N, C-alpha and C. Protein backbone atom coordinates (compact mmCIF):
# COMPACT_ATOMS: atom_id res chain seq x y z
N UNK A 1 75.57 129.86 80.93
CA UNK A 1 76.73 129.22 81.52
C UNK A 1 76.39 128.60 82.88
N UNK A 2 75.69 129.34 83.70
CA UNK A 2 75.27 128.83 85.01
C UNK A 2 74.33 127.64 84.84
N UNK A 3 73.52 127.71 83.78
CA UNK A 3 72.59 126.61 83.49
C UNK A 3 73.37 125.33 83.15
N UNK A 4 74.46 125.45 82.39
CA UNK A 4 75.30 124.29 82.04
C UNK A 4 75.95 123.68 83.28
N UNK A 5 76.38 124.53 84.19
CA UNK A 5 77.00 124.03 85.43
C UNK A 5 75.99 123.24 86.24
N UNK A 6 74.77 123.75 86.37
CA UNK A 6 73.74 123.02 87.09
C UNK A 6 73.39 121.71 86.41
N UNK A 7 73.37 121.70 85.07
CA UNK A 7 73.11 120.45 84.33
C UNK A 7 74.19 119.42 84.61
N UNK A 8 75.46 119.88 84.64
CA UNK A 8 76.56 118.95 84.93
C UNK A 8 76.47 118.42 86.35
N UNK A 9 76.13 119.28 87.27
CA UNK A 9 75.98 118.85 88.67
C UNK A 9 74.86 117.83 88.79
N UNK A 10 73.73 118.13 88.18
CA UNK A 10 72.60 117.20 88.23
C UNK A 10 72.95 115.88 87.55
N UNK A 11 73.64 115.98 86.40
CA UNK A 11 74.07 114.76 85.70
C UNK A 11 75.00 113.91 86.56
N UNK A 12 75.96 114.55 87.21
CA UNK A 12 76.93 113.80 88.03
C UNK A 12 76.33 113.25 89.33
N UNK A 13 75.21 113.81 89.75
CA UNK A 13 74.59 113.32 90.98
C UNK A 13 73.48 112.31 90.71
N UNK A 14 73.27 111.93 89.46
CA UNK A 14 72.36 110.81 89.20
C UNK A 14 72.99 109.56 89.78
N UNK A 15 72.17 108.64 90.22
CA UNK A 15 72.65 107.47 90.95
C UNK A 15 73.78 106.74 90.23
N UNK A 16 73.59 106.42 88.94
CA UNK A 16 74.61 105.63 88.23
C UNK A 16 75.92 106.41 88.13
N UNK A 17 75.84 107.68 87.82
CA UNK A 17 77.05 108.48 87.68
C UNK A 17 77.75 108.70 89.01
N UNK A 18 76.96 108.93 90.04
CA UNK A 18 77.52 109.16 91.37
C UNK A 18 78.24 107.90 91.87
N UNK A 19 77.61 106.75 91.66
CA UNK A 19 78.24 105.48 92.05
C UNK A 19 79.53 105.25 91.25
N UNK A 20 79.50 105.61 90.00
CA UNK A 20 80.70 105.48 89.18
C UNK A 20 81.84 106.34 89.75
N UNK A 21 81.52 107.56 90.15
CA UNK A 21 82.53 108.43 90.75
C UNK A 21 83.05 107.86 92.08
N UNK A 22 82.14 107.28 92.86
CA UNK A 22 82.56 106.64 94.12
C UNK A 22 83.49 105.47 93.87
N UNK A 23 83.19 104.67 92.84
CA UNK A 23 84.04 103.54 92.51
C UNK A 23 85.43 104.01 92.07
N UNK A 24 85.46 105.08 91.31
CA UNK A 24 86.76 105.66 90.91
C UNK A 24 87.56 106.10 92.14
N UNK A 25 86.88 106.73 93.07
CA UNK A 25 87.53 107.19 94.30
C UNK A 25 88.04 105.98 95.11
N UNK A 26 87.23 104.92 95.20
CA UNK A 26 87.65 103.70 95.91
C UNK A 26 88.92 103.12 95.28
N UNK A 27 88.97 103.09 93.95
CA UNK A 27 90.16 102.57 93.25
C UNK A 27 91.39 103.40 93.60
N UNK A 28 91.24 104.70 93.57
CA UNK A 28 92.38 105.58 93.87
C UNK A 28 92.84 105.37 95.31
N UNK A 29 91.89 105.35 96.25
CA UNK A 29 92.24 105.18 97.67
C UNK A 29 92.92 103.84 97.89
N UNK A 30 92.41 102.77 97.29
CA UNK A 30 93.02 101.45 97.51
C UNK A 30 94.42 101.38 96.91
N UNK A 31 94.65 102.05 95.79
CA UNK A 31 96.00 102.08 95.22
C UNK A 31 96.96 102.89 96.07
N UNK A 32 96.48 104.00 96.60
CA UNK A 32 97.33 104.80 97.51
C UNK A 32 97.63 103.99 98.77
N UNK A 33 96.63 103.29 99.31
CA UNK A 33 96.87 102.45 100.48
C UNK A 33 97.89 101.35 100.19
N UNK A 34 97.83 100.78 99.00
CA UNK A 34 98.80 99.75 98.61
C UNK A 34 100.22 100.32 98.63
N UNK A 35 100.38 101.48 98.05
CA UNK A 35 101.71 102.11 98.02
C UNK A 35 102.20 102.43 99.43
N UNK A 36 101.30 102.92 100.27
CA UNK A 36 101.67 103.22 101.66
C UNK A 36 102.06 101.94 102.40
N UNK A 37 101.32 100.85 102.16
CA UNK A 37 101.66 99.58 102.84
C UNK A 37 103.00 99.05 102.36
N UNK A 38 103.34 99.26 101.11
CA UNK A 38 104.66 98.84 100.63
C UNK A 38 105.75 99.60 101.36
N UNK A 39 105.53 100.91 101.57
CA UNK A 39 106.49 101.71 102.34
C UNK A 39 106.57 101.18 103.76
N UNK A 40 105.44 100.87 104.38
CA UNK A 40 105.42 100.34 105.74
C UNK A 40 106.19 99.02 105.82
N UNK A 41 106.00 98.16 104.84
CA UNK A 41 106.70 96.85 104.82
C UNK A 41 108.20 97.06 104.70
N UNK A 42 108.62 97.92 103.78
CA UNK A 42 110.05 98.18 103.59
C UNK A 42 110.66 98.76 104.87
N UNK A 43 109.97 99.73 105.50
CA UNK A 43 110.48 100.32 106.74
C UNK A 43 110.52 99.29 107.85
N UNK A 44 109.51 98.42 107.92
CA UNK A 44 109.49 97.37 108.96
C UNK A 44 110.65 96.39 108.78
N UNK A 45 110.91 96.01 107.53
CA UNK A 45 112.03 95.10 107.26
C UNK A 45 113.34 95.79 107.62
N UNK A 46 113.46 97.04 107.25
CA UNK A 46 114.66 97.82 107.57
C UNK A 46 114.85 97.89 109.08
N UNK A 47 113.76 98.14 109.81
CA UNK A 47 113.81 98.19 111.27
C UNK A 47 114.26 96.86 111.86
N UNK A 48 113.74 95.77 111.33
CA UNK A 48 114.11 94.43 111.78
C UNK A 48 115.60 94.16 111.54
N UNK A 49 116.07 94.49 110.34
CA UNK A 49 117.47 94.26 109.98
C UNK A 49 118.40 95.11 110.87
N UNK A 50 118.04 96.38 111.08
CA UNK A 50 118.85 97.26 111.92
C UNK A 50 118.90 96.72 113.35
N UNK A 51 117.75 96.32 113.88
CA UNK A 51 117.70 95.80 115.25
C UNK A 51 118.56 94.55 115.39
N UNK A 52 118.40 93.62 114.45
CA UNK A 52 119.20 92.38 114.50
C UNK A 52 120.69 92.67 114.36
N UNK A 53 121.03 93.59 113.47
CA UNK A 53 122.45 93.95 113.29
C UNK A 53 123.04 94.51 114.57
N UNK A 54 122.30 95.42 115.21
CA UNK A 54 122.78 95.99 116.47
C UNK A 54 122.97 94.94 117.53
N UNK A 55 122.00 94.04 117.63
CA UNK A 55 122.09 93.01 118.65
C UNK A 55 123.25 92.05 118.38
N UNK A 56 123.47 91.72 117.12
CA UNK A 56 124.58 90.82 116.78
C UNK A 56 125.93 91.48 117.04
N UNK A 57 126.01 92.77 116.82
CA UNK A 57 127.28 93.50 117.03
C UNK A 57 127.56 93.73 118.51
N UNK A 58 126.53 94.11 119.26
CA UNK A 58 126.73 94.48 120.67
C UNK A 58 126.74 93.30 121.61
N UNK A 59 126.06 92.24 121.29
CA UNK A 59 126.00 91.07 122.18
C UNK A 59 127.14 90.11 121.87
N UNK A 60 127.84 89.72 122.90
CA UNK A 60 128.90 88.74 122.70
C UNK A 60 128.50 87.36 123.20
N UNK A 61 127.67 87.32 124.21
CA UNK A 61 127.21 86.04 124.73
C UNK A 61 125.73 85.85 124.40
N UNK A 62 125.33 84.64 124.22
CA UNK A 62 123.94 84.27 123.95
C UNK A 62 123.18 85.39 123.21
N UNK A 63 123.39 85.47 121.96
CA UNK A 63 123.01 86.60 121.13
C UNK A 63 121.57 87.09 121.33
N UNK A 64 120.61 86.24 121.23
CA UNK A 64 119.22 86.69 121.29
C UNK A 64 118.49 86.21 122.54
N UNK A 65 119.21 85.94 123.58
CA UNK A 65 118.60 85.39 124.79
C UNK A 65 117.39 86.19 125.27
N UNK A 66 117.60 87.46 125.53
CA UNK A 66 116.52 88.28 126.07
C UNK A 66 115.75 89.02 124.98
N UNK A 67 116.28 89.08 123.80
CA UNK A 67 115.69 89.90 122.74
C UNK A 67 114.90 89.08 121.71
N UNK A 68 114.77 87.80 121.93
CA UNK A 68 114.11 86.94 120.96
C UNK A 68 112.66 87.35 120.73
N UNK A 69 111.94 87.71 121.79
CA UNK A 69 110.55 88.08 121.64
C UNK A 69 110.41 89.41 120.91
N UNK A 70 111.36 90.30 121.08
CA UNK A 70 111.35 91.57 120.32
C UNK A 70 111.53 91.26 118.83
N UNK A 71 112.45 90.36 118.51
CA UNK A 71 112.68 89.98 117.11
C UNK A 71 111.42 89.33 116.54
N UNK A 72 110.78 88.45 117.30
CA UNK A 72 109.52 87.84 116.84
C UNK A 72 108.47 88.90 116.59
N UNK A 73 108.38 89.87 117.48
CA UNK A 73 107.40 90.95 117.32
C UNK A 73 107.65 91.75 116.06
N UNK A 74 108.91 92.08 115.81
CA UNK A 74 109.26 92.84 114.60
C UNK A 74 108.97 92.01 113.34
N UNK A 75 109.27 90.72 113.41
CA UNK A 75 109.01 89.83 112.28
C UNK A 75 107.51 89.73 112.00
N UNK A 76 106.73 89.60 113.07
CA UNK A 76 105.28 89.50 112.88
C UNK A 76 104.70 90.83 112.41
N UNK A 77 105.32 91.95 112.76
CA UNK A 77 104.88 93.23 112.20
C UNK A 77 104.96 93.21 110.68
N UNK A 78 106.03 92.66 110.15
CA UNK A 78 106.19 92.56 108.70
C UNK A 78 105.11 91.65 108.12
N UNK A 79 104.88 90.51 108.77
CA UNK A 79 103.84 89.58 108.28
C UNK A 79 102.45 90.21 108.30
N UNK A 80 102.15 90.96 109.35
CA UNK A 80 100.84 91.62 109.44
C UNK A 80 100.71 92.66 108.34
N UNK A 81 101.76 93.43 108.10
CA UNK A 81 101.72 94.42 107.04
C UNK A 81 101.53 93.75 105.68
N UNK A 82 102.19 92.61 105.48
CA UNK A 82 102.02 91.87 104.21
C UNK A 82 100.59 91.34 104.06
N UNK A 83 100.00 90.88 105.16
CA UNK A 83 98.62 90.41 105.10
C UNK A 83 97.66 91.56 104.79
N UNK A 84 97.92 92.72 105.37
CA UNK A 84 97.07 93.88 105.07
C UNK A 84 97.22 94.27 103.61
N UNK A 85 98.44 94.23 103.09
CA UNK A 85 98.65 94.49 101.66
C UNK A 85 97.90 93.48 100.80
N UNK A 86 97.92 92.22 101.22
CA UNK A 86 97.17 91.18 100.51
C UNK A 86 95.68 91.48 100.53
N UNK A 87 95.16 91.96 101.67
CA UNK A 87 93.75 92.35 101.76
C UNK A 87 93.44 93.47 100.76
N UNK A 88 94.32 94.44 100.68
CA UNK A 88 94.09 95.57 99.79
C UNK A 88 94.15 95.12 98.33
N UNK A 89 95.15 94.30 97.98
CA UNK A 89 95.24 93.84 96.58
C UNK A 89 94.08 92.94 96.21
N UNK A 90 93.61 92.13 97.15
CA UNK A 90 92.44 91.30 96.87
C UNK A 90 91.22 92.18 96.63
N UNK A 91 91.12 93.27 97.35
CA UNK A 91 90.02 94.19 97.13
C UNK A 91 90.15 94.87 95.77
N UNK A 92 91.38 95.24 95.38
CA UNK A 92 91.58 95.88 94.07
C UNK A 92 91.19 94.91 92.95
N UNK A 93 91.55 93.63 93.12
CA UNK A 93 91.25 92.64 92.08
C UNK A 93 89.76 92.39 91.91
N UNK A 94 89.07 92.18 93.03
CA UNK A 94 87.69 91.72 92.95
C UNK A 94 86.66 92.70 93.51
N UNK A 95 87.11 93.81 94.09
CA UNK A 95 86.22 94.81 94.70
C UNK A 95 85.31 94.20 95.76
N UNK A 96 85.86 93.24 96.48
CA UNK A 96 85.16 92.61 97.58
C UNK A 96 86.15 92.44 98.72
N UNK A 97 85.69 92.70 99.92
CA UNK A 97 86.55 92.48 101.10
C UNK A 97 86.46 91.00 101.45
N UNK A 98 87.61 90.34 101.50
CA UNK A 98 87.66 88.93 101.82
C UNK A 98 87.72 88.76 103.33
N UNK A 99 86.61 88.32 103.88
CA UNK A 99 86.50 88.20 105.33
C UNK A 99 87.51 87.21 105.88
N UNK A 100 87.76 86.13 105.16
CA UNK A 100 88.73 85.13 105.62
C UNK A 100 90.12 85.74 105.79
N UNK A 101 90.54 86.56 104.83
CA UNK A 101 91.84 87.22 104.94
C UNK A 101 91.89 88.18 106.11
N UNK A 102 90.81 88.89 106.35
CA UNK A 102 90.74 89.83 107.47
C UNK A 102 90.86 89.08 108.80
N UNK A 103 90.18 87.94 108.90
CA UNK A 103 90.23 87.17 110.13
C UNK A 103 91.63 86.59 110.34
N UNK A 104 92.25 86.10 109.29
CA UNK A 104 93.62 85.57 109.40
C UNK A 104 94.58 86.67 109.83
N UNK A 105 94.44 87.85 109.26
CA UNK A 105 95.28 88.98 109.64
C UNK A 105 95.07 89.32 111.12
N UNK A 106 93.84 89.29 111.56
CA UNK A 106 93.54 89.56 112.98
C UNK A 106 94.13 88.50 113.88
N UNK A 107 94.07 87.25 113.45
CA UNK A 107 94.68 86.17 114.25
C UNK A 107 96.18 86.35 114.38
N UNK A 108 96.82 86.76 113.29
CA UNK A 108 98.26 87.00 113.34
C UNK A 108 98.56 88.16 114.28
N UNK A 109 97.74 89.20 114.25
CA UNK A 109 97.96 90.36 115.12
C UNK A 109 97.80 89.96 116.58
N UNK A 110 96.81 89.15 116.89
CA UNK A 110 96.60 88.70 118.28
C UNK A 110 97.74 87.78 118.68
N UNK A 111 98.19 86.92 117.77
CA UNK A 111 99.32 86.03 118.06
C UNK A 111 100.58 86.85 118.36
N UNK A 112 100.78 87.92 117.60
CA UNK A 112 101.92 88.80 117.86
C UNK A 112 101.82 89.39 119.25
N UNK A 113 100.63 89.81 119.62
CA UNK A 113 100.41 90.40 120.95
C UNK A 113 100.76 89.39 122.05
N UNK A 114 100.36 88.15 121.84
CA UNK A 114 100.64 87.11 122.84
C UNK A 114 102.13 86.80 122.90
N UNK A 115 102.79 86.74 121.75
CA UNK A 115 104.21 86.41 121.72
C UNK A 115 105.03 87.45 122.45
N UNK A 116 104.69 88.73 122.28
CA UNK A 116 105.49 89.78 122.91
C UNK A 116 104.95 90.18 124.28
N UNK A 117 103.95 89.46 124.76
CA UNK A 117 103.28 89.79 126.01
C UNK A 117 104.23 89.68 127.20
N UNK A 118 104.24 90.71 128.02
CA UNK A 118 104.99 90.69 129.27
C UNK A 118 104.01 90.34 130.38
N UNK A 119 104.05 89.09 130.81
CA UNK A 119 103.07 88.60 131.78
C UNK A 119 103.16 89.32 133.13
N UNK A 120 104.31 89.87 133.44
CA UNK A 120 104.45 90.57 134.72
C UNK A 120 103.68 91.88 134.73
N UNK A 121 103.43 92.46 133.58
CA UNK A 121 102.76 93.75 133.50
C UNK A 121 101.27 93.63 133.15
N UNK A 122 100.81 92.44 132.87
CA UNK A 122 99.42 92.27 132.45
C UNK A 122 98.57 91.72 133.59
N UNK A 123 97.31 92.12 133.56
CA UNK A 123 96.37 91.64 134.58
C UNK A 123 95.60 90.45 134.01
N UNK A 124 94.84 89.83 134.89
CA UNK A 124 94.03 88.68 134.48
C UNK A 124 93.00 89.09 133.43
N UNK A 125 92.46 90.28 133.55
CA UNK A 125 91.44 90.73 132.61
C UNK A 125 92.03 90.90 131.20
N UNK A 126 93.30 91.32 131.12
CA UNK A 126 93.98 91.41 129.82
C UNK A 126 94.09 90.04 129.18
N UNK A 127 94.48 89.05 129.96
CA UNK A 127 94.61 87.69 129.44
C UNK A 127 93.27 87.10 129.03
N UNK A 128 92.26 87.38 129.83
CA UNK A 128 90.90 86.92 129.49
C UNK A 128 90.45 87.55 128.17
N UNK A 129 90.73 88.84 128.03
CA UNK A 129 90.36 89.55 126.79
C UNK A 129 91.04 88.95 125.57
N UNK A 130 92.34 88.65 125.70
CA UNK A 130 93.05 88.02 124.59
C UNK A 130 92.50 86.63 124.29
N UNK A 131 92.19 85.89 125.34
CA UNK A 131 91.63 84.54 125.15
C UNK A 131 90.29 84.61 124.42
N UNK A 132 89.44 85.57 124.80
CA UNK A 132 88.16 85.74 124.12
C UNK A 132 88.37 86.14 122.67
N UNK A 133 89.32 87.03 122.42
CA UNK A 133 89.62 87.45 121.04
C UNK A 133 90.07 86.26 120.20
N UNK A 134 90.98 85.46 120.74
CA UNK A 134 91.46 84.28 120.00
C UNK A 134 90.33 83.31 119.73
N UNK A 135 89.54 83.05 120.74
CA UNK A 135 88.43 82.09 120.59
C UNK A 135 87.43 82.60 119.55
N UNK A 136 87.07 83.88 119.64
CA UNK A 136 86.09 84.45 118.70
C UNK A 136 86.61 84.42 117.27
N UNK A 137 87.87 84.82 117.09
CA UNK A 137 88.45 84.82 115.75
C UNK A 137 88.58 83.40 115.21
N UNK A 138 88.94 82.45 116.07
CA UNK A 138 89.07 81.06 115.64
C UNK A 138 87.74 80.48 115.22
N UNK A 139 86.69 80.74 116.00
CA UNK A 139 85.35 80.27 115.64
C UNK A 139 84.90 80.91 114.34
N UNK A 140 85.15 82.22 114.21
CA UNK A 140 84.78 82.93 112.98
C UNK A 140 85.50 82.33 111.78
N UNK A 141 86.79 82.07 111.93
CA UNK A 141 87.57 81.49 110.84
C UNK A 141 87.02 80.10 110.47
N UNK A 142 86.72 79.30 111.47
CA UNK A 142 86.15 77.96 111.22
C UNK A 142 84.83 78.06 110.46
N UNK A 143 83.97 78.97 110.88
CA UNK A 143 82.67 79.13 110.22
C UNK A 143 82.84 79.58 108.77
N UNK A 144 83.73 80.55 108.54
CA UNK A 144 83.96 81.03 107.19
C UNK A 144 84.54 79.91 106.31
N UNK A 145 85.48 79.14 106.85
CA UNK A 145 86.07 78.03 106.09
C UNK A 145 85.02 76.99 105.75
N UNK A 146 84.14 76.68 106.71
CA UNK A 146 83.10 75.69 106.45
C UNK A 146 82.09 76.21 105.43
N UNK A 147 81.83 77.49 105.46
CA UNK A 147 80.88 78.09 104.53
C UNK A 147 81.44 78.11 103.12
N UNK A 148 82.74 78.40 103.00
CA UNK A 148 83.39 78.51 101.69
C UNK A 148 83.90 77.19 101.14
N UNK A 149 83.81 76.12 101.95
CA UNK A 149 84.32 74.82 101.50
C UNK A 149 83.45 74.29 100.36
N UNK A 150 84.12 73.86 99.27
CA UNK A 150 83.33 73.33 98.14
C UNK A 150 82.59 72.07 98.54
N UNK A 151 81.36 71.97 98.06
CA UNK A 151 80.54 70.79 98.37
C UNK A 151 80.99 69.63 97.49
N UNK A 152 81.21 68.46 98.11
CA UNK A 152 81.67 67.30 97.35
C UNK A 152 80.51 66.45 96.92
């Protein structure tokens, strides 16, 4: 009996079998992540709707005057979550991480940070860091697009 257990262990740790088990685990993890992202998206939308409802009920003058950037931030949270879900589903379909999608998601996240940025609380180094991030992501996106562009 102990001999059979060792044979099964050795069999399962052969390269092909071990990789097969890893691929199964990757599939399970990516499906669980997809379900979790759906929950995050639903909660984010619910948060956005609740916030907007409160603001519309409590504000009588100029409804979104001071709260517009908060609404944009909440909206972009939903978009970022949807992009992450798209990254996960693209991985499930093709078992490849799409760098272009990751860069676009990162650009949206940095854009969200800039939109909700409170300039009074940020230092020059924070702004320089965001500028470098935007520039780097934009150059990366341009390079990826040029690389993936079909040759005519």
